[in-house]
Amino acid sequence: MYQILEDLNRTTGITGSMIVGNDGIVIASDLDTSLEEEAVGALAASITTNIQRSLDRLQQMPLSQVTIEAATGKLFFSEAGIGILVVTAERDVNIGLIRLEIKNAVAKIKGNG
């Protein structure tokens, strides 16, 4: 698990990654030290749970990924089977490349890659 995160973090523009349970508990982390793991985990669980509830009301397919763009960077939350893959990235990152790398990492986490 940690090797998957380490490999993901080698991608240009990615500043850290972690896997958290749907309850927000950190499973594995290779996150930038300036961020508090527990706070990021709780945020990821809260956001994805609320979005999934909204999607359920709209009768949409299950949530696969959420991207948040802020002034200082981007956050990606992706459903990864055992929990949520959280990726932090620089503000001006190549989003297409990051999404491809996240897709590959999720496949590995799920045992399909």
PDB file of N, CA and C in Angstrom:
ATOM      1  N   MET A   1       0.822  -1.188   0.000  1.00  0.00           N
ATOM      2  CA  MET A   1       0.000   0.000   0.000  1.00  0.00           C
ATOM      3  C   MET A   1       0.873   1.261   0.000  1.00  0.00           C
ATOM      4  N   TYR A   2       1.867   1.270   0.881  1.00  0.00           N
ATOM      5  CA  TYR A   2       2.746   2.436   0.964  1.00  0.00           C
ATOM      6  C   TYR A   2       3.550   2.608  -0.332  1.00  0.00           C
ATOM      7  N   GLN A   3       3.905   1.501  -0.959  1.00  0.00           N
ATOM      8  CA  GLN A   3       4.655   1.579  -2.219  1.00  0.00           C
ATOM      9  C   GLN A   3       3.808   2.222  -3.311  1.00  0.00           C
ATOM     10  N   ILE A   4       2.527   1.929  -3.339  1.00  0.00           N
ATOM     11  CA  ILE A   4       1.618   2.540  -4.320  1.00  0.00           C
ATOM     12  C   ILE A   4       1.579   4.045  -4.116  1.00  0.00           C
ATOM     13  N   LEU A   5       1.479   4.476  -2.862  1.00  0.00           N
ATOM     14  CA  LEU A   5       1.448   5.909  -2.559  1.00  0.00           C
ATOM     15  C   LEU A   5       2.775   6.568  -2.926  1.00  0.00           C
ATOM     16  N   GLU A   6       3.869   5.902  -2.592  1.00  0.00           N
ATOM     17  CA  GLU A   6       5.189   6.441  -2.908  1.00  0.00           C
ATOM     18  C   GLU A   6       5.365   6.603  -4.416  1.00  0.00           C
ATOM     19  N   ASP A   7       4.951   5.588  -5.180  1.00  0.00           N
ATOM     20  CA  ASP A   7       5.043   5.661  -6.639  1.00  0.00           C
ATOM     21  C   ASP A   7       4.167   6.793  -7.182  1.00  0.00           C
ATOM     22  N   LEU A   8       2.976   6.934  -6.641  1.00  0.00           N
ATOM     23  CA  LEU A   8       2.061   7.989  -7.066  1.00  0.00           C
ATOM     24  C   LEU A   8       2.662   9.362  -6.808  1.00  0.00           C
ATOM     25  N   ASN A   9       3.328   9.519  -5.672  1.00  0.00           N
ATOM     26  CA  ASN A   9       3.905  10.809  -5.300  1.00  0.00           C
ATOM     27  C   ASN A   9       5.091  11.214  -6.183  1.00  0.00           C
ATOM     28  N   ARG A  10       5.608  10.293  -6.969  1.00  0.00           N
ATOM     29  CA  ARG A  10       6.686  10.630  -7.898  1.00  0.00           C
ATOM     30  C   ARG A  10       6.171  11.372  -9.127  1.00  0.00           C
ATOM     31  N   THR A  11       4.861  11.397  -9.316  1.00  0.00           N
ATOM     32  CA  THR A  11       4.256  12.082 -10.452  1.00  0.00           C
ATOM     33  C   THR A  11       4.446  13.584 -10.299  1.00  0.00           C
ATOM     34  N   THR A  12       4.874  14.228 -11.364  1.00  0.00           N
ATOM     35  CA  THR A  12       5.087  15.676 -11.348  1.00  0.00           C
ATOM     36  C   THR A  12       3.820  16.399 -10.914  1.00  0.00           C
ATOM     37  N   GLY A  13       3.940  17.231  -9.906  1.00  0.00           N
ATOM     38  CA  GLY A  13       2.823  18.036  -9.426  1.00  0.00           C
ATOM     39  C   GLY A  13       2.116  17.476  -8.211  1.00  0.00           C
ATOM     40  N   ILE A  14       2.266  16.172  -7.945  1.00  0.00           N
ATOM     41  CA  ILE A  14       1.636  15.587  -6.765  1.00  0.00           C
ATOM     42  C   ILE A  14       2.516  15.874  -5.549  1.00  0.00           C
ATOM     43  N   THR A  15       1.882  16.357  -4.490  1.00  0.00           N
ATOM     44  CA  THR A  15       2.621  16.707  -3.280  1.00  0.00           C
ATOM     45  C   THR A  15       2.407  15.711  -2.143  1.00  0.00           C
ATOM     46  N   GLY A  16       1.442  14.810  -2.289  1.00  0.00           N
ATOM     47  CA  GLY A  16       1.212  13.815  -1.265  1.00  0.00           C
ATOM     48  C   GLY A  16      -0.011  12.975  -1.576  1.00  0.00           C
ATOM     49  N   SER A  17      -0.119  11.846  -0.864  1.00  0.00           N
ATOM     50  CA  SER A  17      -1.276  10.972  -1.056  1.00  0.00           C
ATOM     51  C   SER A  17      -1.511  10.153   0.206  1.00  0.00           C
ATOM     52  N   MET A  18      -2.734   9.674   0.341  1.00  0.00           N
ATOM     53  CA  MET A  18      -3.094   8.855   1.487  1.00  0.00           C
ATOM     54  C   MET A  18      -4.344   8.054   1.169  1.00  0.00           C
ATOM     55  N   ILE A  19      -4.560   7.013   1.939  1.00  0.00           N
ATOM     56  CA  ILE A  19      -5.784   6.236   1.835  1.00  0.00           C
ATOM     57  C   ILE A  19      -6.459   6.316   3.186  1.00  0.00           C
ATOM     58  N   VAL A  20      -7.726   6.682   3.177  1.00  0.00           N
ATOM     59  CA  VAL A  20      -8.496   6.768   4.413  1.00  0.00           C
ATOM     60  C   VAL A  20      -9.745   5.911   4.288  1.00  0.00           C
ATOM     61  N   GLY A  21     -10.182   5.356   5.402  1.00  0.00           N
ATOM     62  CA  GLY A  21     -11.428   4.609   5.409  1.00  0.00           C
ATOM     63  C   GLY A  21     -12.598   5.555   5.205  1.00  0.00           C
ATOM     64  N   ASN A  22     -13.744   4.995   4.892  1.00  0.00           N
ATOM     65  CA  ASN A  22     -14.934   5.829   4.707  1.00  0.00           C
ATOM     66  C   ASN A  22     -15.345   6.529   5.992  1.00  0.00           C
ATOM     67  N   ASP A  23     -14.772   6.094   7.119  1.00  0.00           N
ATOM     68  CA  ASP A  23     -15.021   6.738   8.403  1.00  0.00           C
ATOM     69  C   ASP A  23     -14.008   7.848   8.705  1.00  0.00           C
ATOM     70  N   GLY A  24     -13.034   8.057   7.775  1.00  0.00           N
ATOM     71  CA  GLY A  24     -12.043   9.113   7.956  1.00  0.00           C
ATOM     72  C   GLY A  24     -10.768   8.669   8.649  1.00  0.00           C
ATOM     73  N   ILE A  25     -10.698   7.408   9.066  1.00  0.00           N
ATOM     74  CA  ILE A  25      -9.500   6.889   9.740  1.00  0.00           C
ATOM     75  C   ILE A  25      -8.411   6.632   8.699  1.00  0.00           C
ATOM     76  N   VAL A  26      -7.202   7.107   8.976  1.00  0.00           N
ATOM     77  CA  VAL A  26      -6.084   6.964   8.050  1.00  0.00           C
ATOM     78  C   VAL A  26      -5.640   5.503   7.998  1.00  0.00           C
ATOM     79  N   ILE A  27      -5.586   4.938   6.784  1.00  0.00           N
ATOM     80  CA  ILE A  27      -5.127   3.564   6.570  1.00  0.00           C
ATOM     81  C   ILE A  27      -3.643   3.565   6.225  1.00  0.00           C
ATOM     82  N   ALA A  28      -3.252   4.450   5.306  1.00  0.00           N
ATOM     83  CA  ALA A  28      -1.848   4.590   4.890  1.00  0.00           C
ATOM     84  C   ALA A  28      -1.661   6.016   4.417  1.00  0.00           C
ATOM     85  N   SER A  29      -0.463   6.556   4.636  1.00  0.00           N
ATOM     86  CA  SER A  29      -0.245   7.945   4.271  1.00  0.00           C
ATOM     87  C   SER A  29       1.198   8.216   3.854  1.00  0.00           C
ATOM     88  N   ASP A  30       1.325   9.012   2.810  1.00  0.00           N
ATOM     89  CA  ASP A  30       2.607   9.571   2.384  1.00  0.00           C
ATOM     90  C   ASP A  30       2.298  11.022   2.004  1.00  0.00           C
ATOM     91  N   LEU A  31       1.814  11.737   3.001  1.00  0.00           N
ATOM     92  CA  LEU A  31       1.287  13.089   2.812  1.00  0.00           C
ATOM     93  C   LEU A  31       2.332  14.132   3.176  1.00  0.00           C
ATOM     94  N   ASP A  32       2.256  15.273   2.528  1.00  0.00           N
ATOM     95  CA  ASP A  32       3.111  16.420   2.828  1.00  0.00           C
ATOM     96  C   ASP A  32       3.014  16.712   4.330  1.00  0.00           C
ATOM     97  N   THR A  33       4.129  16.926   4.967  1.00  0.00           N
ATOM     98  CA  THR A  33       4.150  17.137   6.422  1.00  0.00           C
ATOM     99  C   THR A  33       3.465  18.422   6.866  1.00  0.00           C
ATOM    100  N   SER A  34       3.182  19.335   5.948  1.00  0.00           N
ATOM    101  CA  SER A  34       2.511  20.571   6.340  1.00  0.00           C
ATOM    102  C   SER A  34       1.010  20.353   6.559  1.00  0.00           C
ATOM    103  N   LEU A  35       0.497  19.183   6.173  1.00  0.00           N
ATOM    104  CA  LEU A  35      -0.920  18.880   6.338  1.00  0.00           C
ATOM    105  C   LEU A  35      -1.115  17.876   7.471  1.00  0.00           C
ATOM    106  N   GLU A  36      -2.174  18.047   8.227  1.00  0.00           N
ATOM    107  CA  GLU A  36      -2.495  17.124   9.308  1.00  0.00           C
ATOM    108  C   GLU A  36      -3.286  15.953   8.733  1.00  0.00           C
ATOM    109  N   GLU A  37      -2.711  14.755   8.834  1.00  0.00           N
ATOM    110  CA  GLU A  37      -3.328  13.565   8.259  1.00  0.00           C
ATOM    111  C   GLU A  37      -4.761  13.356   8.739  1.00  0.00           C
ATOM    112  N   GLU A  38      -4.988  13.465  10.037  1.00  0.00           N
ATOM    113  CA  GLU A  38      -6.321  13.211  10.585  1.00  0.00           C
ATOM    114  C   GLU A  38      -7.339  14.214  10.058  1.00  0.00           C
ATOM    115  N   ALA A  39      -6.932  15.473   9.929  1.00  0.00           N
ATOM    116  CA  ALA A  39      -7.845  16.500   9.417  1.00  0.00           C
ATOM    117  C   ALA A  39      -8.189  16.244   7.953  1.00  0.00           C
ATOM    118  N   VAL A  40      -7.199  15.880   7.160  1.00  0.00           N
ATOM    119  CA  VAL A  40      -7.435  15.592   5.740  1.00  0.00           C
ATOM    120  C   VAL A  40      -8.317  14.361   5.600  1.00  0.00           C
ATOM    121  N   GLY A  41      -8.068  13.341   6.410  1.00  0.00           N
ATOM    122  CA  GLY A  41      -8.883  12.134   6.374  1.00  0.00           C
ATOM    123  C   GLY A  41     -10.336  12.414   6.712  1.00  0.00           C
ATOM    124  N   ALA A  42     -10.558  13.182   7.756  1.00  0.00           N
ATOM    125  CA  ALA A  42     -11.921  13.537   8.163  1.00  0.00           C
ATOM    126  C   ALA A  42     -12.612  14.364   7.079  1.00  0.00           C
ATOM    127  N   LEU A  43     -11.875  15.297   6.486  1.00  0.00           N
ATOM    128  CA  LEU A  43     -12.415  16.123   5.404  1.00  0.00           C
ATOM    129  C   LEU A  43     -12.817  15.264   4.210  1.00  0.00           C
ATOM    130  N   ALA A  44     -11.951  14.342   3.819  1.00  0.00           N
ATOM    131  CA  ALA A  44     -12.226  13.472   2.676  1.00  0.00           C
ATOM    132  C   ALA A  44     -13.476  12.634   2.920  1.00  0.00           C
ATOM    133  N   ALA A  45     -13.585  12.046   4.099  1.00  0.00           N
ATOM    134  CA  ALA A  45     -14.745  11.218   4.418  1.00  0.00           C
ATOM    135  C   ALA A  45     -16.028  12.042   4.423  1.00  0.00           C
ATOM    136  N   SER A  46     -15.978  13.207   5.017  1.00  0.00           N
ATOM    137  CA  SER A  46     -17.156  14.067   5.097  1.00  0.00           C
ATOM    138  C   SER A  46     -17.619  14.515   3.713  1.00  0.00           C
ATOM    139  N   ILE A  47     -16.686  14.999   2.917  1.00  0.00           N
ATOM    140  CA  ILE A  47     -17.037  15.492   1.580  1.00  0.00           C
ATOM    141  C   ILE A  47     -17.587  14.372   0.710  1.00  0.00           C
ATOM    142  N   THR A  48     -16.896  13.246   0.667  1.00  0.00           N
ATOM    143  CA  THR A  48     -17.349  12.166  -0.217  1.00  0.00           C
ATOM    144  C   THR A  48     -18.675  11.572   0.252  1.00  0.00           C
ATOM    145  N   THR A  49     -18.894  11.476   1.555  1.00  0.00           N
ATOM    146  CA  THR A  49     -20.175  10.970   2.066  1.00  0.00           C
ATOM    147  C   THR A  49     -21.314  11.891   1.678  1.00  0.00           C
ATOM    148  N   ASN A  50     -21.122  13.195   1.848  1.00  0.00           N
ATOM    149  CA  ASN A  50     -22.176  14.151   1.500  1.00  0.00           C
ATOM    150  C   ASN A  50     -22.453  14.181   0.002  1.00  0.00           C
ATOM    151  N   ILE A  51     -21.423  14.107  -0.804  1.00  0.00           N
ATOM    152  CA  ILE A  51     -21.625  14.095  -2.248  1.00  0.00           C
ATOM    153  C   ILE A  51     -22.320  12.810  -2.684  1.00  0.00           C
ATOM    154  N   GLN A  52     -21.934  11.675  -2.109  1.00  0.00           N
ATOM    155  CA  GLN A  52     -22.583  10.406  -2.460  1.00  0.00           C
ATOM    156  C   GLN A  52     -24.066  10.437  -2.109  1.00  0.00           C
ATOM    157  N   ARG A  53     -24.404  10.990  -0.959  1.00  0.00           N
ATOM    158  CA  ARG A  53     -25.822  11.118  -0.577  1.00  0.00           C
ATOM    159  C   ARG A  53     -26.587  11.961  -1.595  1.00  0.00           C
ATOM    160  N   SER A  54     -25.979  13.046  -2.027  1.00  0.00           N
ATOM    161  CA  SER A  54     -26.621  13.899  -3.035  1.00  0.00           C
ATOM    162  C   SER A  54     -26.785  13.161  -4.352  1.00  0.00           C
ATOM    163  N   LEU A  55     -25.758  12.424  -4.761  1.00  0.00           N
ATOM    164  CA  LEU A  55     -25.844  11.649  -6.003  1.00  0.00           C
ATOM    165  C   LEU A  55     -26.916  10.567  -5.902  1.00  0.00           C
ATOM    166  N   ASP A  56     -27.045   9.955  -4.733  1.00  0.00           N
ATOM    167  CA  ASP A  56     -28.081   8.943  -4.530  1.00  0.00           C
ATOM    168  C   ASP A  56     -29.474   9.552  -4.718  1.00  0.00           C
ATOM    169  N   ARG A  57     -29.667  10.752  -4.181  1.00  0.00           N
ATOM    170  CA  ARG A  57     -30.960  11.438  -4.334  1.00  0.00           C
ATOM    171  C   ARG A  57     -31.258  11.747  -5.794  1.00  0.00           C
ATOM    172  N   LEU A  58     -30.212  12.002  -6.555  1.00  0.00           N
ATOM    173  CA  LEU A  58     -30.372  12.294  -7.983  1.00  0.00           C
ATOM    174  C   LEU A  58     -30.390  11.019  -8.831  1.00  0.00           C
ATOM    175  N   GLN A  59     -30.267   9.880  -8.177  1.00  0.00           N
ATOM    176  CA  GLN A  59     -30.228   8.569  -8.831  1.00  0.00           C
ATOM    177  C   GLN A  59     -29.111   8.495  -9.873  1.00  0.00           C
ATOM    178  N   GLN A  60     -27.951   8.977  -9.467  1.00  0.00           N
ATOM    179  CA  GLN A  60     -26.773   8.939 -10.322  1.00  0.00           C
ATOM    180  C   GLN A  60     -25.896   7.762  -9.928  1.00  0.00           C
ATOM    181  N   MET A  61     -24.962   7.457 -10.791  1.00  0.00           N
ATOM    182  CA  MET A  61     -24.036   6.350 -10.536  1.00  0.00           C
ATOM    183  C   MET A  61     -23.219   6.647  -9.270  1.00  0.00           C
ATOM    184  N   PRO A  62     -22.626   5.629  -8.670  1.00  0.00           N
ATOM    185  CA  PRO A  62     -21.807   5.866  -7.468  1.00  0.00           C
ATOM    186  C   PRO A  62     -20.655   6.842  -7.751  1.00  0.00           C
ATOM    187  N   LEU A  63     -20.294   7.551  -6.734  1.00  0.00           N
ATOM    188  CA  LEU A  63     -19.197   8.514  -6.807  1.00  0.00           C
ATOM    189  C   LEU A  63     -17.894   7.811  -7.169  1.00  0.00           C
ATOM    190  N   SER A  64     -17.141   8.380  -8.111  1.00  0.00           N
ATOM    191  CA  SER A  64     -15.833   7.807  -8.421  1.00  0.00           C
ATOM    192  C   SER A  64     -14.712   8.773  -8.060  1.00  0.00           C
ATOM    193  N   GLN A  65     -14.899  10.083  -8.319  1.00  0.00           N
ATOM    194  CA  GLN A  65     -13.839  11.026  -7.981  1.00  0.00           C
ATOM    195  C   GLN A  65     -14.397  12.428  -7.775  1.00  0.00           C
ATOM    196  N   VAL A  66     -13.794  13.137  -6.825  1.00  0.00           N
ATOM    197  CA  VAL A  66     -14.111  14.535  -6.550  1.00  0.00           C
ATOM    198  C   VAL A  66     -12.810  15.316  -6.655  1.00  0.00           C
ATOM    199  N   THR A  67     -12.854  16.452  -7.345  1.00  0.00           N
ATOM    200  CA  THR A  67     -11.687  17.327  -7.433  1.00  0.00           C
ATOM    201  C   THR A  67     -12.049  18.674  -6.815  1.00  0.00           C
ATOM    202  N   ILE A  68     -11.199  19.140  -5.917  1.00  0.00           N
ATOM    203  CA  ILE A  68     -11.386  20.446  -5.299  1.00  0.00           C
ATOM    204  C   ILE A  68     -10.208  21.319  -5.697  1.00  0.00           C
ATOM    205  N   GLU A  69     -10.526  22.477  -6.252  1.00  0.00           N
ATOM    206  CA  GLU A  69      -9.483  23.420  -6.646  1.00  0.00           C
ATOM    207  C   GLU A  69      -9.500  24.601  -5.686  1.00  0.00           C
ATOM    208  N   ALA A  70      -8.358  24.866  -5.080  1.00  0.00           N
ATOM    209  CA  ALA A  70      -8.220  25.986  -4.151  1.00  0.00           C
ATOM    210  C   ALA A  70      -7.115  26.909  -4.653  1.00  0.00           C
ATOM    211  N   ALA A  71      -6.943  28.018  -3.991  1.00  0.00           N
ATOM    212  CA  ALA A  71      -5.947  28.999  -4.422  1.00  0.00           C
ATOM    213  C   ALA A  71      -4.526  28.445  -4.367  1.00  0.00           C
ATOM    214  N   THR A  72      -4.263  27.545  -3.437  1.00  0.00           N
ATOM    215  CA  THR A  72      -2.891  27.062  -3.264  1.00  0.00           C
ATOM    216  C   THR A  72      -2.646  25.653  -3.784  1.00  0.00           C
ATOM    217  N   GLY A  73      -3.687  24.968  -4.232  1.00  0.00           N
ATOM    218  CA  GLY A  73      -3.483  23.622  -4.741  1.00  0.00           C
ATOM    219  C   GLY A  73      -4.784  22.913  -5.040  1.00  0.00           C
ATOM    220  N   LYS A  74      -4.675  21.629  -5.346  1.00  0.00           N
ATOM    221  CA  LYS A  74      -5.832  20.818  -5.679  1.00  0.00           C
ATOM    222  C   LYS A  74      -5.865  19.577  -4.795  1.00  0.00           C
ATOM    223  N   LEU A  75      -7.067  19.108  -4.529  1.00  0.00           N
ATOM    224  CA  LEU A  75      -7.290  17.868  -3.793  1.00  0.00           C
ATOM    225  C   LEU A  75      -8.134  16.955  -4.664  1.00  0.00           C
ATOM    226  N   PHE A  76      -7.760  15.692  -4.725  1.00  0.00           N
ATOM    227  CA  PHE A  76      -8.504  14.693  -5.472  1.00  0.00           C
ATOM    228  C   PHE A  76      -8.916  13.602  -4.490  1.00  0.00           C
ATOM    229  N   PHE A  77     -10.200  13.257  -4.457  1.00  0.00           N
ATOM    230  CA  PHE A  77     -10.711  12.181  -3.621  1.00  0.00           C
ATOM    231  C   PHE A  77     -11.279  11.130  -4.563  1.00  0.00           C
ATOM    232  N   SER A  78     -10.775   9.905  -4.490  1.00  0.00           N
ATOM    233  CA  SER A  78     -11.220   8.836  -5.382  1.00  0.00           C
ATOM    234  C   SER A  78     -11.606   7.598  -4.593  1.00  0.00           C
ATOM    235  N   GLU A  79     -12.702   6.986  -4.980  1.00  0.00           N
ATOM    236  CA  GLU A  79     -13.146   5.731  -4.366  1.00  0.00           C
ATOM    237  C   GLU A  79     -12.133   4.658  -4.732  1.00  0.00           C
ATOM    238  N   ALA A  80     -11.621   3.943  -3.711  1.00  0.00           N
ATOM    239  CA  ALA A  80     -10.554   2.969  -3.964  1.00  0.00           C
ATOM    240  C   ALA A  80     -10.854   1.604  -3.352  1.00  0.00           C
ATOM    241  N   GLY A  81     -12.109   1.250  -3.243  1.00  0.00           N
ATOM    242  CA  GLY A  81     -12.460  -0.060  -2.707  1.00  0.00           C
ATOM    243  C   GLY A  81     -12.388  -0.124  -1.199  1.00  0.00           C
ATOM    244  N   ILE A  82     -11.194  -0.134  -0.639  1.00  0.00           N
ATOM    245  CA  ILE A  82     -11.027  -0.214   0.815  1.00  0.00           C
ATOM    246  C   ILE A  82     -11.262   1.123   1.506  1.00  0.00           C
ATOM    247  N   GLY A  83     -11.381   2.180   0.729  1.00  0.00           N
ATOM    248  CA  GLY A  83     -11.575   3.511   1.280  1.00  0.00           C
ATOM    249  C   GLY A  83     -11.450   4.561   0.197  1.00  0.00           C
ATOM    250  N   ILE A  84     -10.909   5.681   0.574  1.00  0.00           N
ATOM    251  CA  ILE A  84     -10.782   6.836  -0.313  1.00  0.00           C
ATOM    252  C   ILE A  84      -9.300   7.130  -0.531  1.00  0.00           C
ATOM    253  N   LEU A  85      -8.906   7.224  -1.794  1.00  0.00           N
ATOM    254  CA  LEU A  85      -7.555   7.665  -2.123  1.00  0.00           C
ATOM    255  C   LEU A  85      -7.585   9.185  -2.197  1.00  0.00           C
ATOM    256  N   VAL A  86      -6.774   9.830  -1.382  1.00  0.00           N
ATOM    257  CA  VAL A  86      -6.671  11.280  -1.348  1.00  0.00           C
ATOM    258  C   VAL A  86      -5.335  11.666  -1.950  1.00  0.00           C
ATOM    259  N   VAL A  87      -5.366  12.589  -2.917  1.00  0.00           N
ATOM    260  CA  VAL A  87      -4.139  13.071  -3.543  1.00  0.00           C
ATOM    261  C   VAL A  87      -4.125  14.592  -3.447  1.00  0.00           C
ATOM    262  N   THR A  88      -3.013  15.131  -2.972  1.00  0.00           N
ATOM    263  CA  THR A  88      -2.831  16.578  -2.947  1.00  0.00           C
ATOM    264  C   THR A  88      -1.871  16.943  -4.072  1.00  0.00           C
ATOM    265  N   ALA A  89      -2.127  18.091  -4.695  1.00  0.00           N
ATOM    266  CA  ALA A  89      -1.317  18.481  -5.847  1.00  0.00           C
ATOM    267  C   ALA A  89      -1.129  19.991  -5.892  1.00  0.00           C
ATOM    268  N   GLU A  90      -0.134  20.386  -6.676  1.00  0.00           N
ATOM    269  CA  GLU A  90       0.132  21.806  -6.880  1.00  0.00           C
ATOM    270  C   GLU A  90      -1.027  22.454  -7.633  1.00  0.00           C
ATOM    271  N   ARG A  91      -1.118  23.749  -7.542  1.00  0.00           N
ATOM    272  CA  ARG A  91      -2.216  24.503  -8.145  1.00  0.00           C
ATOM    273  C   ARG A  91      -2.275  24.356  -9.654  1.00  0.00           C
ATOM    274  N   ASP A  92      -1.136  24.423 -10.328  1.00  0.00           N
ATOM    275  CA  ASP A  92      -1.110  24.423 -11.792  1.00  0.00           C
ATOM    276  C   ASP A  92      -0.746  23.062 -12.379  1.00  0.00           C
ATOM    277  N   VAL A  93      -1.148  22.002 -11.721  1.00  0.00           N
ATOM    278  CA  VAL A  93      -0.809  20.650 -12.140  1.00  0.00           C
ATOM    279  C   VAL A  93      -1.594  20.257 -13.409  1.00  0.00           C
ATOM    280  N   ASN A  94      -1.049  19.308 -14.165  1.00  0.00           N
ATOM    281  CA  ASN A  94      -1.723  18.750 -15.335  1.00  0.00           C
ATOM    282  C   ASN A  94      -2.798  17.785 -14.832  1.00  0.00           C
ATOM    283  N   ILE A  95      -4.047  18.220 -14.833  1.00  0.00           N
ATOM    284  CA  ILE A  95      -5.134  17.441 -14.255  1.00  0.00           C
ATOM    285  C   ILE A  95      -5.318  16.103 -14.977  1.00  0.00           C
ATOM    286  N   GLY A  96      -5.174  16.094 -16.286  1.00  0.00           N
ATOM    287  CA  GLY A  96      -5.314  14.850 -17.040  1.00  0.00           C
ATOM    288  C   GLY A  96      -4.296  13.809 -16.610  1.00  0.00           C
ATOM    289  N   LEU A  97      -3.050  14.222 -16.452  1.00  0.00           N
ATOM    290  CA  LEU A  97      -1.998  13.313 -16.003  1.00  0.00           C
ATOM    291  C   LEU A  97      -2.291  12.797 -14.596  1.00  0.00           C
ATOM    292  N   ILE A  98      -2.702  13.686 -13.714  1.00  0.00           N
ATOM    293  CA  ILE A  98      -2.990  13.288 -12.333  1.00  0.00           C
ATOM    294  C   ILE A  98      -4.131  12.274 -12.300  1.00  0.00           C
ATOM    295  N   ARG A  99      -5.183  12.526 -13.059  1.00  0.00           N
ATOM    296  CA  ARG A  99      -6.319  11.591 -13.075  1.00  0.00           C
ATOM    297  C   ARG A  99      -5.914  10.229 -13.610  1.00  0.00           C
ATOM    298  N   LEU A 100      -5.052  10.200 -14.619  1.00  0.00           N
ATOM    299  CA  LEU A 100      -4.561   8.932 -15.164  1.00  0.00           C
ATOM    300  C   LEU A 100      -3.763   8.174 -14.103  1.00  0.00           C
ATOM    301  N   GLU A 101      -2.863   8.871 -13.414  1.00  0.00           N
ATOM    302  CA  GLU A 101      -2.056   8.236 -12.374  1.00  0.00           C
ATOM    303  C   GLU A 101      -2.922   7.758 -11.204  1.00  0.00           C
ATOM    304  N   ILE A 102      -3.946   8.535 -10.872  1.00  0.00           N
ATOM    305  CA  ILE A 102      -4.868   8.121  -9.812  1.00  0.00           C
ATOM    306  C   ILE A 102      -5.617   6.858 -10.238  1.00  0.00           C
ATOM    307  N   LYS A 103      -6.073   6.828 -11.474  1.00  0.00           N
ATOM    308  CA  LYS A 103      -6.780   5.653 -11.997  1.00  0.00           C
ATOM    309  C   LYS A 103      -5.894   4.410 -11.885  1.00  0.00           C
ATOM    310  N   ASN A 104      -4.625   4.536 -12.261  1.00  0.00           N
ATOM    311  CA  ASN A 104      -3.681   3.421 -12.170  1.00  0.00           C
ATOM    312  C   ASN A 104      -3.464   2.999 -10.715  1.00  0.00           C
ATOM    313  N   ALA A 105      -3.324   3.967  -9.828  1.00  0.00           N
ATOM    314  CA  ALA A 105      -3.122   3.667  -8.403  1.00  0.00           C
ATOM    315  C   ALA A 105      -4.342   2.967  -7.808  1.00  0.00           C
ATOM    316  N   VAL A 106      -5.539   3.425  -8.154  1.00  0.00           N
ATOM    317  CA  VAL A 106      -6.761   2.804  -7.649  1.00  0.00           C
ATOM    318  C   VAL A 106      -6.845   1.354  -8.119  1.00  0.00           C
ATOM    319  N   ALA A 107      -6.488   1.099  -9.370  1.00  0.00           N
ATOM    320  CA  ALA A 107      -6.487  -0.277  -9.890  1.00  0.00           C
ATOM    321  C   ALA A 107      -5.539  -1.157  -9.074  1.00  0.00           C
ATOM    322  N   LYS A 108      -4.363  -0.631  -8.728  1.00  0.00           N
ATOM    323  CA  LYS A 108      -3.408  -1.390  -7.913  1.00  0.00           C
ATOM    324  C   LYS A 108      -3.951  -1.639  -6.508  1.00  0.00           C
ATOM    325  N   ILE A 109      -4.574  -0.627  -5.920  1.00  0.00           N
ATOM    326  CA  ILE A 109      -5.127  -0.763  -4.582  1.00  0.00           C
ATOM    327  C   ILE A 109      -6.225  -1.823  -4.565  1.00  0.00           C
ATOM    328  N   LYS A 110      -7.028  -1.827  -5.610  1.00  0.00           N
ATOM    329  CA  LYS A 110      -8.119  -2.812  -5.708  1.00  0.00           C
ATOM    330  C   LYS A 110      -7.625  -4.191  -6.135  1.00  0.00           C
ATOM    331  N   GLY A 111      -6.331  -4.288  -6.485  1.00  0.00           N
ATOM    332  CA  GLY A 111      -5.775  -5.563  -6.882  1.00  0.00           C
ATOM    333  C   GLY A 111      -5.974  -5.891  -8.355  1.00  0.00           C
ATOM    334  N   ASN A 112      -6.285  -4.850  -9.148  1.00  0.00           N
ATOM    335  CA  ASN A 112      -6.531  -5.040 -10.581  1.00  0.00           C
ATOM    336  C   ASN A 112      -5.393  -4.502 -11.444  1.00  0.00           C
ATOM    337  N   GLY A 113      -4.294  -4.108 -10.827  1.00  0.00           N
ATOM    338  CA  GLY A 113      -3.247  -3.485 -11.625  1.00  0.00           C
ATOM    339  C   GLY A 113      -1.877  -3.952 -11.324  1.00  0.00           C
TER     340      GLY A 113
END
